[in-house]
């Protein structure tokens, strides 16, 4: 029943398994497909994501340094005015 719901959700046209062994074979095929997808995501997409996140980290650091510098200059100017 679960396999039938999953297959309907994915819209795969397959012959419905009738015996227990056919159900097990269908589940093994489904699990193998999932393993392949997880390996693709892990080996390909995560490397690109890691590189992009490092790039964002550098940009955020630069922005933070500019903000701290601007605030420091403002504070020094105000301290100089009130002295």
PDB file of N, CA and C in Angstrom:
ATOM      1  N   UNK A   1       0.827  -1.191   0.000  1.00  0.00           N
ATOM      2  CA  UNK A   1       0.000   0.000   0.000  1.00  0.00           C
ATOM      3  C   UNK A   1       0.868   1.250   0.000  1.00  0.00           C
ATOM      4  N   UNK A   2       1.908   1.263   0.861  1.00  0.00           N
ATOM      5  CA  UNK A   2       2.804   2.419   0.947  1.00  0.00           C
ATOM      6  C   UNK A   2       3.532   2.630  -0.369  1.00  0.00           C
ATOM      7  N   UNK A   3       3.997   1.540  -0.964  1.00  0.00           N
ATOM      8  CA  UNK A   3       4.703   1.636  -2.243  1.00  0.00           C
ATOM      9  C   UNK A   3       3.779   2.196  -3.322  1.00  0.00           C
ATOM     10  N   UNK A   4       2.527   1.793  -3.301  1.00  0.00           N
ATOM     11  CA  UNK A   4       1.568   2.275  -4.285  1.00  0.00           C
ATOM     12  C   UNK A   4       1.343   3.777  -4.111  1.00  0.00           C
ATOM     13  N   UNK A   5       1.247   4.248  -2.874  1.00  0.00           N
ATOM     14  CA  UNK A   5       1.065   5.673  -2.627  1.00  0.00           C
ATOM     15  C   UNK A   5       2.294   6.468  -3.061  1.00  0.00           C
ATOM     16  N   UNK A   6       3.473   5.927  -2.784  1.00  0.00           N
ATOM     17  CA  UNK A   6       4.705   6.603  -3.174  1.00  0.00           C
ATOM     18  C   UNK A   6       4.804   6.675  -4.689  1.00  0.00           C
ATOM     19  N   UNK A   7       4.506   5.592  -5.365  1.00  0.00           N
ATOM     20  CA  UNK A   7       4.609   5.567  -6.816  1.00  0.00           C
ATOM     21  C   UNK A   7       3.584   6.492  -7.461  1.00  0.00           C
ATOM     22  N   UNK A   8       2.380   6.597  -6.877  1.00  0.00           N
ATOM     23  CA  UNK A   8       1.379   7.511  -7.413  1.00  0.00           C
ATOM     24  C   UNK A   8       1.821   8.955  -7.211  1.00  0.00           C
ATOM     25  N   UNK A   9       2.462   9.227  -6.091  1.00  0.00           N
ATOM     26  CA  UNK A   9       2.921  10.575  -5.809  1.00  0.00           C
ATOM     27  C   UNK A   9       4.036  10.986  -6.768  1.00  0.00           C
ATOM     28  N   UNK A  10       4.920  10.061  -7.109  1.00  0.00           N
ATOM     29  CA  UNK A  10       6.030  10.352  -8.001  1.00  0.00           C
ATOM     30  C   UNK A  10       5.585  10.289  -9.460  1.00  0.00           C
ATOM     31  N   UNK A  11       4.468   9.715  -9.730  1.00  0.00           N
ATOM     32  CA  UNK A  11       3.922   9.583 -11.083  1.00  0.00           C
ATOM     33  C   UNK A  11       4.764   8.657 -11.952  1.00  0.00           C
ATOM     34  N   UNK A  12       5.197   7.556 -11.385  1.00  0.00           N
ATOM     35  CA  UNK A  12       5.931   6.558 -12.150  1.00  0.00           C
ATOM     36  C   UNK A  12       4.953   5.470 -12.565  1.00  0.00           C
ATOM     37  N   UNK A  13       4.923   5.176 -13.841  1.00  0.00           N
ATOM     38  CA  UNK A  13       4.049   4.121 -14.344  1.00  0.00           C
ATOM     39  C   UNK A  13       4.800   2.803 -14.271  1.00  0.00           C
ATOM     40  N   UNK A  14       4.433   1.984 -13.300  1.00  0.00           N
ATOM     41  CA  UNK A  14       5.069   0.679 -13.135  1.00  0.00           C
ATOM     42  C   UNK A  14       3.989  -0.376 -13.029  1.00  0.00           C
ATOM     43  N   UNK A  15       4.379  -1.554 -13.313  1.00  0.00           N
ATOM     44  CA  UNK A  15       3.501  -2.688 -13.107  1.00  0.00           C
ATOM     45  C   UNK A  15       3.406  -2.910 -11.604  1.00  0.00           C
ATOM     46  N   UNK A  16       2.205  -3.037 -11.082  1.00  0.00           N
ATOM     47  CA  UNK A  16       2.048  -3.196  -9.636  1.00  0.00           C
ATOM     48  C   UNK A  16       2.469  -4.593  -9.213  1.00  0.00           C
ATOM     49  N   UNK A  17       3.278  -4.666  -8.151  1.00  0.00           N
ATOM     50  CA  UNK A  17       3.723  -5.974  -7.661  1.00  0.00           C
ATOM     51  C   UNK A  17       2.553  -6.754  -7.058  1.00  0.00           C
ATOM     52  N   UNK A  18       2.549  -8.060  -7.281  1.00  0.00           N
ATOM     53  CA  UNK A  18       1.445  -8.886  -6.790  1.00  0.00           C
ATOM     54  C   UNK A  18       1.872  -9.822  -5.673  1.00  0.00           C
ATOM     55  N   UNK A  19       3.115 -10.256  -5.681  1.00  0.00           N
ATOM     56  CA  UNK A  19       3.570 -11.168  -4.638  1.00  0.00           C
ATOM     57  C   UNK A  19       4.513 -10.424  -3.695  1.00  0.00           C
ATOM     58  N   UNK A  20       4.811 -11.065  -2.579  1.00  0.00           N
ATOM     59  CA  UNK A  20       5.705 -10.466  -1.595  1.00  0.00           C
ATOM     60  C   UNK A  20       7.094 -10.259  -2.169  1.00  0.00           C
ATOM     61  N   UNK A  21       7.582 -11.213  -2.922  1.00  0.00           N
ATOM     62  CA  UNK A  21       8.921 -11.064  -3.498  1.00  0.00           C
ATOM     63  C   UNK A  21       8.963  -9.907  -4.497  1.00  0.00           C
ATOM     64  N   UNK A  22       7.891  -9.723  -5.268  1.00  0.00           N
ATOM     65  CA  UNK A  22       7.846  -8.589  -6.189  1.00  0.00           C
ATOM     66  C   UNK A  22       7.837  -7.270  -5.435  1.00  0.00           C
ATOM     67  N   UNK A  23       7.136  -7.233  -4.296  1.00  0.00           N
ATOM     68  CA  UNK A  23       7.129  -6.025  -3.465  1.00  0.00           C
ATOM     69  C   UNK A  23       8.534  -5.729  -2.943  1.00  0.00           C
ATOM     70  N   UNK A  24       9.222  -6.754  -2.486  1.00  0.00           N
ATOM     71  CA  UNK A  24      10.580  -6.577  -1.953  1.00  0.00           C
ATOM     72  C   UNK A  24      11.520  -6.094  -3.049  1.00  0.00           C
ATOM     73  N   UNK A  25      11.416  -6.671  -4.234  1.00  0.00           N
ATOM     74  CA  UNK A  25      12.263  -6.247  -5.355  1.00  0.00           C
ATOM     75  C   UNK A  25      11.972  -4.791  -5.719  1.00  0.00           C
ATOM     76  N   UNK A  26      10.703  -4.411  -5.710  1.00  0.00           N
ATOM     77  CA  UNK A  26      10.337  -3.027  -6.018  1.00  0.00           C
ATOM     78  C   UNK A  26      10.893  -2.077  -4.964  1.00  0.00           C
ATOM     79  N   UNK A  27      10.836  -2.486  -3.692  1.00  0.00           N
ATOM     80  CA  UNK A  27      11.391  -1.648  -2.619  1.00  0.00           C
ATOM     81  C   UNK A  27      12.899  -1.521  -2.751  1.00  0.00           C
ATOM     82  N   UNK A  28      13.589  -2.610  -3.098  1.00  0.00           N
ATOM     83  CA  UNK A  28      15.037  -2.535  -3.288  1.00  0.00           C
ATOM     84  C   UNK A  28      15.383  -1.572  -4.418  1.00  0.00           C
ATOM     85  N   UNK A  29      14.611  -1.601  -5.480  1.00  0.00           N
ATOM     86  CA  UNK A  29      14.845  -0.669  -6.580  1.00  0.00           C
ATOM     87  C   UNK A  29      14.622   0.773  -6.155  1.00  0.00           C
ATOM     88  N   UNK A  30      13.583   0.998  -5.349  1.00  0.00           N
ATOM     89  CA  UNK A  30      13.289   2.343  -4.857  1.00  0.00           C
ATOM     90  C   UNK A  30      14.414   2.829  -3.946  1.00  0.00           C
ATOM     91  N   UNK A  31      14.896   1.953  -3.059  1.00  0.00           N
ATOM     92  CA  UNK A  31      15.983   2.312  -2.140  1.00  0.00           C
ATOM     93  C   UNK A  31      17.270   2.572  -2.921  1.00  0.00           C
ATOM     94  N   UNK A  32      17.543   1.781  -3.930  1.00  0.00           N
ATOM     95  CA  UNK A  32      18.729   1.995  -4.756  1.00  0.00           C
ATOM     96  C   UNK A  32      18.658   3.350  -5.447  1.00  0.00           C
ATOM     97  N   UNK A  33      17.499   3.713  -5.938  1.00  0.00           N
ATOM     98  CA  UNK A  33      17.323   5.027  -6.565  1.00  0.00           C
ATOM     99  C   UNK A  33      17.544   6.153  -5.575  1.00  0.00           C
ATOM    100  N   UNK A  34      17.053   5.971  -4.349  1.00  0.00           N
ATOM    101  CA  UNK A  34      17.271   6.985  -3.317  1.00  0.00           C
ATOM    102  C   UNK A  34      18.746   7.115  -2.979  1.00  0.00           C
ATOM    103  N   UNK A  35      19.435   5.989  -2.867  1.00  0.00           N
ATOM    104  CA  UNK A  35      20.873   6.031  -2.586  1.00  0.00           C
ATOM    105  C   UNK A  35      21.616   6.788  -3.679  1.00  0.00           C
ATOM    106  N   UNK A  36      21.247   6.540  -4.911  1.00  0.00           N
ATOM    107  CA  UNK A  36      21.891   7.219  -6.043  1.00  0.00           C
ATOM    108  C   UNK A  36      21.650   8.720  -5.959  1.00  0.00           C
ATOM    109  N   UNK A  37      20.408   9.118  -5.637  1.00  0.00           N
ATOM    110  CA  UNK A  37      20.100  10.544  -5.514  1.00  0.00           C
ATOM    111  C   UNK A  37      20.865  11.181  -4.365  1.00  0.00           C
ATOM    112  N   UNK A  38      20.951  10.495  -3.233  1.00  0.00           N
ATOM    113  CA  UNK A  38      21.677  11.038  -2.086  1.00  0.00           C
ATOM    114  C   UNK A  38      23.157  11.174  -2.414  1.00  0.00           C
ATOM    115  N   UNK A  39      23.736  10.198  -3.093  1.00  0.00           N
ATOM    116  CA  UNK A  39      25.144  10.298  -3.487  1.00  0.00           C
ATOM    117  C   UNK A  39      25.365  11.467  -4.444  1.00  0.00           C
ATOM    118  N   UNK A  40      24.454  11.685  -5.368  1.00  0.00           N
ATOM    119  CA  UNK A  40      24.578  12.809  -6.289  1.00  0.00           C
ATOM    120  C   UNK A  40      24.544  14.126  -5.532  1.00  0.00           C
ATOM    121  N   UNK A  41      23.620  14.246  -4.601  1.00  0.00           N
ATOM    122  CA  UNK A  41      23.513  15.472  -3.810  1.00  0.00           C
ATOM    123  C   UNK A  41      24.766  15.661  -2.968  1.00  0.00           C
ATOM    124  N   UNK A  42      25.205  14.592  -2.322  1.00  0.00           N
ATOM    125  CA  UNK A  42      26.347  14.693  -1.420  1.00  0.00           C
ATOM    126  C   UNK A  42      27.626  15.012  -2.173  1.00  0.00           C
ATOM    127  N   UNK A  43      27.860  14.397  -3.291  1.00  0.00           N
ATOM    128  CA  UNK A  43      29.118  14.565  -4.000  1.00  0.00           C
ATOM    129  C   UNK A  43      29.153  15.781  -4.911  1.00  0.00           C
ATOM    130  N   UNK A  44      28.016  16.231  -5.387  1.00  0.00           N
ATOM    131  CA  UNK A  44      28.017  17.314  -6.363  1.00  0.00           C
ATOM    132  C   UNK A  44      27.505  18.614  -5.761  1.00  0.00           C
ATOM    133  N   UNK A  45      26.309  18.631  -5.272  1.00  0.00           N
ATOM    134  CA  UNK A  45      25.658  19.863  -4.860  1.00  0.00           C
ATOM    135  C   UNK A  45      26.260  20.436  -3.580  1.00  0.00           C
ATOM    136  N   UNK A  46      26.686  19.594  -2.656  1.00  0.00           N
ATOM    137  CA  UNK A  46      27.213  20.110  -1.400  1.00  0.00           C
ATOM    138  C   UNK A  46      28.533  20.836  -1.587  1.00  0.00           C
ATOM    139  N   UNK A  47      29.344  20.418  -2.564  1.00  0.00           N
ATOM    140  CA  UNK A  47      30.597  21.123  -2.835  1.00  0.00           C
ATOM    141  C   UNK A  47      30.321  22.534  -3.331  1.00  0.00           C
ATOM    142  N   UNK A  48      29.341  22.670  -4.230  1.00  0.00           N
ATOM    143  CA  UNK A  48      28.993  23.996  -4.734  1.00  0.00           C
ATOM    144  C   UNK A  48      28.405  24.859  -3.627  1.00  0.00           C
ATOM    145  N   UNK A  49      27.569  24.268  -2.800  1.00  0.00           N
ATOM    146  CA  UNK A  49      26.973  25.023  -1.701  1.00  0.00           C
ATOM    147  C   UNK A  49      28.042  25.495  -0.728  1.00  0.00           C
ATOM    148  N   UNK A  50      29.027  24.657  -0.450  1.00  0.00           N
ATOM    149  CA  UNK A  50      30.092  25.021   0.473  1.00  0.00           C
ATOM    150  C   UNK A  50      30.879  26.215  -0.073  1.00  0.00           C
ATOM    151  N   UNK A  51      31.167  26.198  -1.374  1.00  0.00           N
ATOM    152  CA  UNK A  51      31.901  27.301  -1.989  1.00  0.00           C
ATOM    153  C   UNK A  51      31.081  28.590  -1.932  1.00  0.00           C
ATOM    154  N   UNK A  52      29.791  28.510  -2.202  1.00  0.00           N
ATOM    155  CA  UNK A  52      28.927  29.688  -2.166  1.00  0.00           C
ATOM    156  C   UNK A  52      28.808  30.249  -0.753  1.00  0.00           C
ATOM    157  N   UNK A  53      28.705  29.377   0.226  1.00  0.00           N
ATOM    158  CA  UNK A  53      28.595  29.831   1.611  1.00  0.00           C
ATOM    159  C   UNK A  53      29.880  30.516   2.052  1.00  0.00           C
ATOM    160  N   UNK A  54      31.025  30.000   1.642  1.00  0.00           N
ATOM    161  CA  UNK A  54      32.289  30.664   1.965  1.00  0.00           C
ATOM    162  C   UNK A  54      32.352  32.046   1.337  1.00  0.00           C
ATOM    163  N   UNK A  55      31.864  32.192   0.112  1.00  0.00           N
ATOM    164  CA  UNK A  55      31.832  33.499  -0.540  1.00  0.00           C
ATOM    165  C   UNK A  55      30.947  34.475   0.203  1.00  0.00           C
ATOM    166  N   UNK A  56      29.785  34.007   0.667  1.00  0.00           N
ATOM    167  CA  UNK A  56      28.893  34.855   1.453  1.00  0.00           C
ATOM    168  C   UNK A  56      29.536  35.247   2.778  1.00  0.00           C
ATOM    169  N   UNK A  57      30.260  34.327   3.370  1.00  0.00           N
ATOM    170  CA  UNK A  57      30.928  34.595   4.644  1.00  0.00           C
ATOM    171  C   UNK A  57      31.921  35.745   4.475  1.00  0.00           C
ATOM    172  N   UNK A  58      32.691  35.754   3.397  1.00  0.00           N
ATOM    173  CA  UNK A  58      33.654  36.825   3.141  1.00  0.00           C
ATOM    174  C   UNK A  58      32.952  38.161   2.925  1.00  0.00           C
ATOM    175  N   UNK A  59      31.839  38.157   2.199  1.00  0.00           N
ATOM    176  CA  UNK A  59      31.102  39.399   1.959  1.00  0.00           C
ATOM    177  C   UNK A  59      30.522  39.953   3.249  1.00  0.00           C
ATOM    178  N   UNK A  60      29.985  39.075   4.089  1.00  0.00           N
ATOM    179  CA  UNK A  60      29.416  39.524   5.359  1.00  0.00           C
ATOM    180  C   UNK A  60      30.508  40.071   6.272  1.00  0.00           C
ATOM    181  N   UNK A  61      31.680  39.455   6.273  1.00  0.00           N
ATOM    182  CA  UNK A  61      32.794  39.965   7.073  1.00  0.00           C
ATOM    183  C   UNK A  61      33.185  41.371   6.630  1.00  0.00           C
ATOM    184  N   UNK A  62      33.288  41.596   5.318  1.00  0.00           N
ATOM    185  CA  UNK A  62      33.634  42.927   4.819  1.00  0.00           C
ATOM    186  C   UNK A  62      32.592  43.956   5.219  1.00  0.00           C
ATOM    187  N   UNK A  63      31.320  43.607   5.110  1.00  0.00           N
ATOM    188  CA  UNK A  63      30.248  44.516   5.506  1.00  0.00           C
ATOM    189  C   UNK A  63      30.332  44.830   6.995  1.00  0.00           C
ATOM    190  N   UNK A  64      30.609  43.826   7.796  1.00  0.00           N
ATOM    191  CA  UNK A  64      30.721  44.025   9.239  1.00  0.00           C
ATOM    192  C   UNK A  64      31.888  44.951   9.566  1.00  0.00           C
ATOM    193  N   UNK A  65      33.025  44.787   8.893  1.00  0.00           N
ATOM    194  CA  UNK A  65      34.172  45.661   9.133  1.00  0.00           C
ATOM    195  C   UNK A  65      33.851  47.106   8.746  1.00  0.00           C
ATOM    196  N   UNK A  66      33.136  47.300   7.648  1.00  0.00           N
ATOM    197  CA  UNK A  66      32.738  48.656   7.255  1.00  0.00           C
ATOM    198  C   UNK A  66      31.805  49.266   8.290  1.00  0.00           C
ATOM    199  N   UNK A  67      30.861  48.505   8.798  1.00  0.00           N
ATOM    200  CA  UNK A  67      29.940  49.016   9.820  1.00  0.00           C
ATOM    201  C   UNK A  67      30.670  49.385  11.104  1.00  0.00           C
ATOM    202  N   UNK A  68      31.571  48.519  11.549  1.00  0.00           N
ATOM    203  CA  UNK A  68      32.327  48.802  12.766  1.00  0.00           C
ATOM    204  C   UNK A  68      33.206  50.032  12.563  1.00  0.00           C
ATOM    205  N   UNK A  69      33.830  50.146  11.402  1.00  0.00           N
ATOM    206  CA  UNK A  69      34.645  51.324  11.106  1.00  0.00           C
ATOM    207  C   UNK A  69      33.815  52.598  11.092  1.00  0.00           C
ATOM    208  N   UNK A  70      32.653  52.548  10.475  1.00  0.00           N
ATOM    209  CA  UNK A  70      31.766  53.720  10.430  1.00  0.00           C
ATOM    210  C   UNK A  70      31.280  54.119  11.812  1.00  0.00           C
ATOM    211  N   UNK A  71      30.904  53.137  12.612  1.00  0.00           N
ATOM    212  CA  UNK A  71      30.459  53.436  13.978  1.00  0.00           C
ATOM    213  C   UNK A  71      31.593  53.999  14.815  1.00  0.00           C
ATOM    214  N   UNK A  72      32.776  53.463  14.645  1.00  0.00           N
ATOM    215  CA  UNK A  72      33.940  53.967  15.387  1.00  0.00           C
ATOM    216  C   UNK A  72      34.232  55.414  15.003  1.00  0.00           C
ATOM    217  N   UNK A  73      34.178  55.715  13.711  1.00  0.00           N
ATOM    218  CA  UNK A  73      34.424  57.091  13.262  1.00  0.00           C
ATOM    219  C   UNK A  73      33.365  58.036  13.809  1.00  0.00           C
ATOM    220  N   UNK A  74      32.128  57.595  13.827  1.00  0.00           N
ATOM    221  CA  UNK A  74      31.041  58.428  14.363  1.00  0.00           C
ATOM    222  C   UNK A  74      31.245  58.679  15.848  1.00  0.00           C
ATOM    223  N   UNK A  75      31.588  57.656  16.593  1.00  0.00           N
ATOM    224  CA  UNK A  75      31.805  57.801  18.038  1.00  0.00           C
ATOM    225  C   UNK A  75      32.990  58.725  18.304  1.00  0.00           C
ATOM    226  N   UNK A  76      34.083  58.572  17.564  1.00  0.00           N
ATOM    227  CA  UNK A  76      35.238  59.444  17.752  1.00  0.00           C
ATOM    228  C   UNK A  76      34.905  60.896  17.420  1.00  0.00           C
ATOM    229  N   UNK A  77      34.092  61.100  16.380  1.00  0.00           N
ATOM    230  CA  UNK A  77      33.673  62.464  16.029  1.00  0.00           C
ATOM    231  C   UNK A  77      32.816  63.063  17.138  1.00  0.00           C
ATOM    232  N   UNK A  78      31.888  62.301  17.684  1.00  0.00           N
ATOM    233  CA  UNK A  78      31.033  62.808  18.761  1.00  0.00           C
ATOM    234  C   UNK A  78      31.846  63.080  20.029  1.00  0.00           C
ATOM    235  N   UNK A  79      32.794  62.227  20.344  1.00  0.00           N
ATOM    236  CA  UNK A  79      33.635  62.444  21.523  1.00  0.00           C
ATOM    237  C   UNK A  79      34.473  63.706  21.320  1.00  0.00           C
ATOM    238  N   UNK A  80      34.978  63.927  20.107  1.00  0.00           N
ATOM    239  CA  UNK A  80      35.762  65.116  19.801  1.00  0.00           C
ATOM    240  C   UNK A  80      34.930  66.392  19.890  1.00  0.00           C
ATOM    241  N   UNK A  81      33.666  66.329  19.534  1.00  0.00           N
ATOM    242  CA  UNK A  81      32.790  67.501  19.584  1.00  0.00           C
ATOM    243  C   UNK A  81      32.435  67.886  21.016  1.00  0.00           C
ATOM    244  N   UNK A  82      32.235  66.904  21.877  1.00  0.00           N
ATOM    245  CA  UNK A  82      31.769  67.175  23.223  1.00  0.00           C
ATOM    246  C   UNK A  82      32.919  67.404  24.207  1.00  0.00           C
ATOM    247  N   UNK A  83      34.152  67.245  23.794  1.00  0.00           N
ATOM    248  CA  UNK A  83      35.275  67.473  24.700  1.00  0.00           C
ATOM    249  C   UNK A  83      35.612  68.884  24.840  1.00  0.00           C
TER     250      UNK A  83
END
